[in-house]
Amino acid sequence: MALLELAPGQLDFVGDPLRMALAGLAEQSRRPYVIEANGDAVGVLTLQAGAARLAGWPDDHSAWLLRGFLIDRRHQGRGLGRLAAAAAVVAAAKLTAGQEGGEAGVVLSVNERNPAGLAAYQNAGFVDHGQYLGGSSGPQRTMYHSFTPQLHGGLPLPQVPH
């Protein structure tokens, strides 16, 4: 993770990937993931329980928070962000089922100055739930993906290759 490279300006959106991974390992509520492509680590993300308000969601416990999501700059533009975001929803649904949790989906906030991130999340099936002004780097969009297609506007859960 220390070898992942950020694109110019990307630090404003995601923070340091190594620090995010270490925080993910230190807190029981966080589940860090390494994103792999062809056997190489190309990114990281964290799912966190009980923290959905950090993305502008109305409560902390009805959704997993997707945070610290980063695709190495050398691997961007290949659809890996979309695939990883969709896989994160599948992983969160499995975590909820295994823990008998009350989460019904995954929420995140993405900076309005990050059009590539917005597009990747939309292409992964996340729906924009409006502006969130609580982020430290300017206006964000709160985006949500339900585990249940009926609660997500009838869209099916994305199919992710294994």
Protein backbone atom coordinates (compact mmCIF):
# COMPACT_ATOMS: atom_id res chain seq x y z
CA MET A 1 0.00 0.00 0.00
CA ALA A 2 2.93 2.28 0.57
CA LEU A 3 3.71 1.91 -3.15
CA LEU A 4 0.32 3.12 -4.36
CA GLU A 5 0.59 6.42 -6.20
CA LEU A 6 -1.95 9.22 -6.05
CA ALA A 7 -2.82 11.35 -9.05
CA PRO A 8 -2.21 15.10 -8.66
CA GLY A 9 -4.87 16.54 -6.32
CA GLN A 10 -6.14 13.11 -5.28
CA LEU A 11 -4.78 13.42 -1.73
CA ASP A 12 -7.54 15.99 -1.09
CA PHE A 13 -10.14 13.32 -1.82
CA VAL A 14 -8.84 10.14 -0.17
CA GLY A 15 -5.95 10.86 2.16
CA ASP A 16 -2.84 8.75 2.58
CA PRO A 17 -3.52 5.10 1.57
CA LEU A 18 -1.12 3.59 4.11
CA ARG A 19 -2.60 5.65 6.95
CA MET A 20 -6.13 4.63 5.91
CA ALA A 21 -5.17 0.94 5.83
CA LEU A 22 -3.50 1.14 9.24
CA ALA A 23 -6.57 2.87 10.71
CA GLY A 24 -8.67 0.12 9.17
CA LEU A 25 -6.65 -2.54 10.92
CA ALA A 26 -6.70 -0.69 14.27
CA GLU A 27 -10.48 -0.22 14.58
CA GLN A 28 -12.86 -3.14 14.96
CA SER A 29 -15.63 -1.29 13.08
CA ARG A 30 -13.49 -1.04 9.92
CA ARG A 31 -12.82 -3.71 7.32
CA PRO A 32 -9.92 -2.74 5.00
CA TYR A 33 -9.61 -4.35 1.57
CA VAL A 34 -6.81 -4.44 -0.97
CA ILE A 35 -7.95 -4.16 -4.57
CA GLU A 36 -6.05 -6.53 -6.83
CA ALA A 37 -5.68 -6.78 -10.59
CA ASN A 38 -3.61 -9.53 -12.17
CA GLY A 39 -2.07 -10.34 -8.79
CA ASP A 40 -0.91 -6.76 -8.11
CA ALA A 41 -2.25 -4.44 -5.42
CA VAL A 42 -3.79 -1.55 -7.36
CA GLY A 43 -5.92 0.09 -4.68
CA VAL A 44 -7.49 0.07 -1.25
CA LEU A 45 -10.87 0.71 0.32
CA THR A 46 -12.44 0.39 3.74
CA LEU A 47 -15.94 -0.57 4.80
CA GLN A 48 -16.90 0.82 8.19
CA ALA A 49 -19.92 -0.07 10.34
CA GLY A 50 -21.63 2.52 12.52
CA ALA A 51 -20.25 5.58 10.74
CA ALA A 52 -22.63 6.38 7.87
CA ARG A 53 -23.26 9.94 9.12
CA LEU A 54 -19.69 10.76 8.09
CA ALA A 55 -21.00 10.66 4.51
CA GLY A 56 -24.11 12.75 5.20
CA TRP A 57 -26.43 9.78 5.79
CA PRO A 58 -29.27 10.39 8.31
CA ASP A 59 -28.13 7.65 10.73
CA ASP A 60 -25.03 5.59 11.44
CA HIS A 61 -26.39 2.06 11.44
CA SER A 62 -28.56 1.52 8.35
CA ALA A 63 -25.61 1.53 5.94
CA TRP A 64 -21.95 0.61 5.75
CA LEU A 65 -19.66 3.56 5.05
CA LEU A 66 -17.31 3.12 2.08
CA ARG A 67 -14.25 5.26 2.72
CA GLY A 68 -10.58 5.62 1.86
CA PHE A 69 -11.22 4.34 -1.65
CA LEU A 70 -8.24 4.69 -3.95
CA ILE A 71 -7.13 3.23 -7.25
CA ASP A 72 -3.43 3.74 -8.00
CA ARG A 73 -3.00 6.50 -10.59
CA ARG A 74 -1.16 4.09 -12.92
CA HIS A 75 -4.26 1.84 -13.05
CA GLN A 76 -6.99 4.47 -13.31
CA GLY A 77 -9.21 4.69 -16.37
CA ARG A 78 -9.60 0.91 -16.74
CA GLY A 79 -12.92 0.45 -14.92
CA LEU A 80 -11.29 -0.91 -11.77
CA GLY A 81 -12.96 1.74 -9.58
CA ARG A 82 -16.41 0.73 -10.81
CA LEU A 83 -15.68 -2.97 -10.30
CA ALA A 84 -14.19 -2.42 -6.84
CA ALA A 85 -17.12 -0.24 -5.74
CA ALA A 86 -19.58 -2.90 -6.90
CA ALA A 87 -17.53 -5.60 -5.16
CA ALA A 88 -17.57 -3.52 -1.96
CA VAL A 89 -21.38 -3.59 -2.00
CA VAL A 90 -21.34 -7.37 -2.36
CA ALA A 91 -18.78 -7.69 0.45
CA ALA A 92 -20.83 -5.40 2.72
CA ALA A 93 -23.98 -7.45 2.07
CA LYS A 94 -22.09 -10.62 3.05
CA LEU A 95 -20.73 -8.95 6.20
CA THR A 96 -24.25 -7.87 7.16
CA ALA A 97 -25.68 -11.33 6.57
CA GLY A 98 -22.85 -12.99 8.51
CA GLN A 99 -23.19 -10.65 11.47
CA GLU A 100 -26.98 -10.36 11.29
CA GLY A 101 -26.48 -6.58 11.13
CA GLY A 102 -29.10 -4.01 10.32
CA GLU A 103 -27.35 -2.39 7.37
CA ALA A 104 -29.39 -2.23 4.18
CA GLY A 105 -26.71 -0.89 1.84
CA VAL A 106 -23.52 1.11 1.41
CA VAL A 107 -23.15 4.88 1.56
CA LEU A 108 -20.23 7.12 0.63
CA SER A 109 -19.49 10.74 -0.05
CA VAL A 110 -17.53 11.85 -3.08
CA ASN A 111 -16.15 15.31 -3.65
CA GLU A 112 -18.01 17.31 -6.29
CA ARG A 113 -14.61 18.18 -7.81
CA ASN A 114 -14.01 14.47 -8.51
CA PRO A 115 -15.94 13.71 -11.72
CA ALA A 116 -14.12 10.40 -12.28
CA GLY A 117 -15.16 9.20 -8.82
CA LEU A 118 -18.75 10.33 -9.33
CA ALA A 119 -18.92 8.48 -12.65
CA ALA A 120 -17.35 5.30 -11.24
CA TYR A 121 -19.84 5.17 -8.37
CA GLN A 122 -22.81 5.87 -10.64
CA ASN A 123 -21.64 3.15 -13.03
CA ALA A 124 -21.40 0.77 -10.06
CA GLY A 125 -25.07 1.41 -9.24
CA PHE A 126 -24.79 4.06 -6.53
CA VAL A 127 -27.55 6.69 -6.52
CA ASP A 128 -26.92 10.35 -5.69
CA HIS A 129 -28.81 11.39 -2.54
CA GLY A 130 -27.83 15.06 -2.59
CA GLN A 131 -25.17 17.43 -1.46
CA TYR A 132 -23.28 17.00 1.81
CA LEU A 133 -21.32 19.94 3.21
CA GLY A 134 -19.64 18.17 6.13
CA GLY A 135 -16.47 17.09 4.31
CA SER A 136 -13.16 18.77 5.00
CA SER A 137 -12.35 19.34 1.31
CA GLY A 138 -15.49 21.07 0.08
CA PRO A 139 -18.94 20.03 -1.11
CA GLN A 140 -19.59 16.31 -1.43
CA ARG A 141 -22.30 14.16 -2.99
CA THR A 142 -23.84 11.51 -0.74
CA MET A 143 -24.28 8.32 -2.76
CA TYR A 144 -26.02 5.10 -1.72
CA HIS A 145 -26.35 1.56 -3.03
CA SER A 146 -28.99 -0.68 -1.46
CA PHE A 147 -28.54 -4.42 -1.02
CA THR A 148 -32.16 -4.86 -2.16
CA PRO A 149 -33.00 -3.95 -5.76
CA GLN A 150 -36.50 -2.70 -4.82
CA LEU A 151 -34.99 -0.18 -2.37
CA HIS A 152 -32.52 0.95 -5.01
CA GLY A 153 -34.98 2.08 -7.65
CA GLY A 154 -35.36 -1.36 -9.23
CA LEU A 155 -31.74 -1.63 -10.33
CA PRO A 156 -30.12 -5.04 -9.90
CA LEU A 157 -27.01 -5.48 -7.77
CA PRO A 158 -23.99 -5.25 -10.12
CA GLN A 159 -22.43 -8.53 -11.13
CA VAL A 160 -18.75 -8.57 -10.29
CA PRO A 161 -16.35 -11.10 -11.80
CA HIS A 162 -14.70 -13.35 -9.20
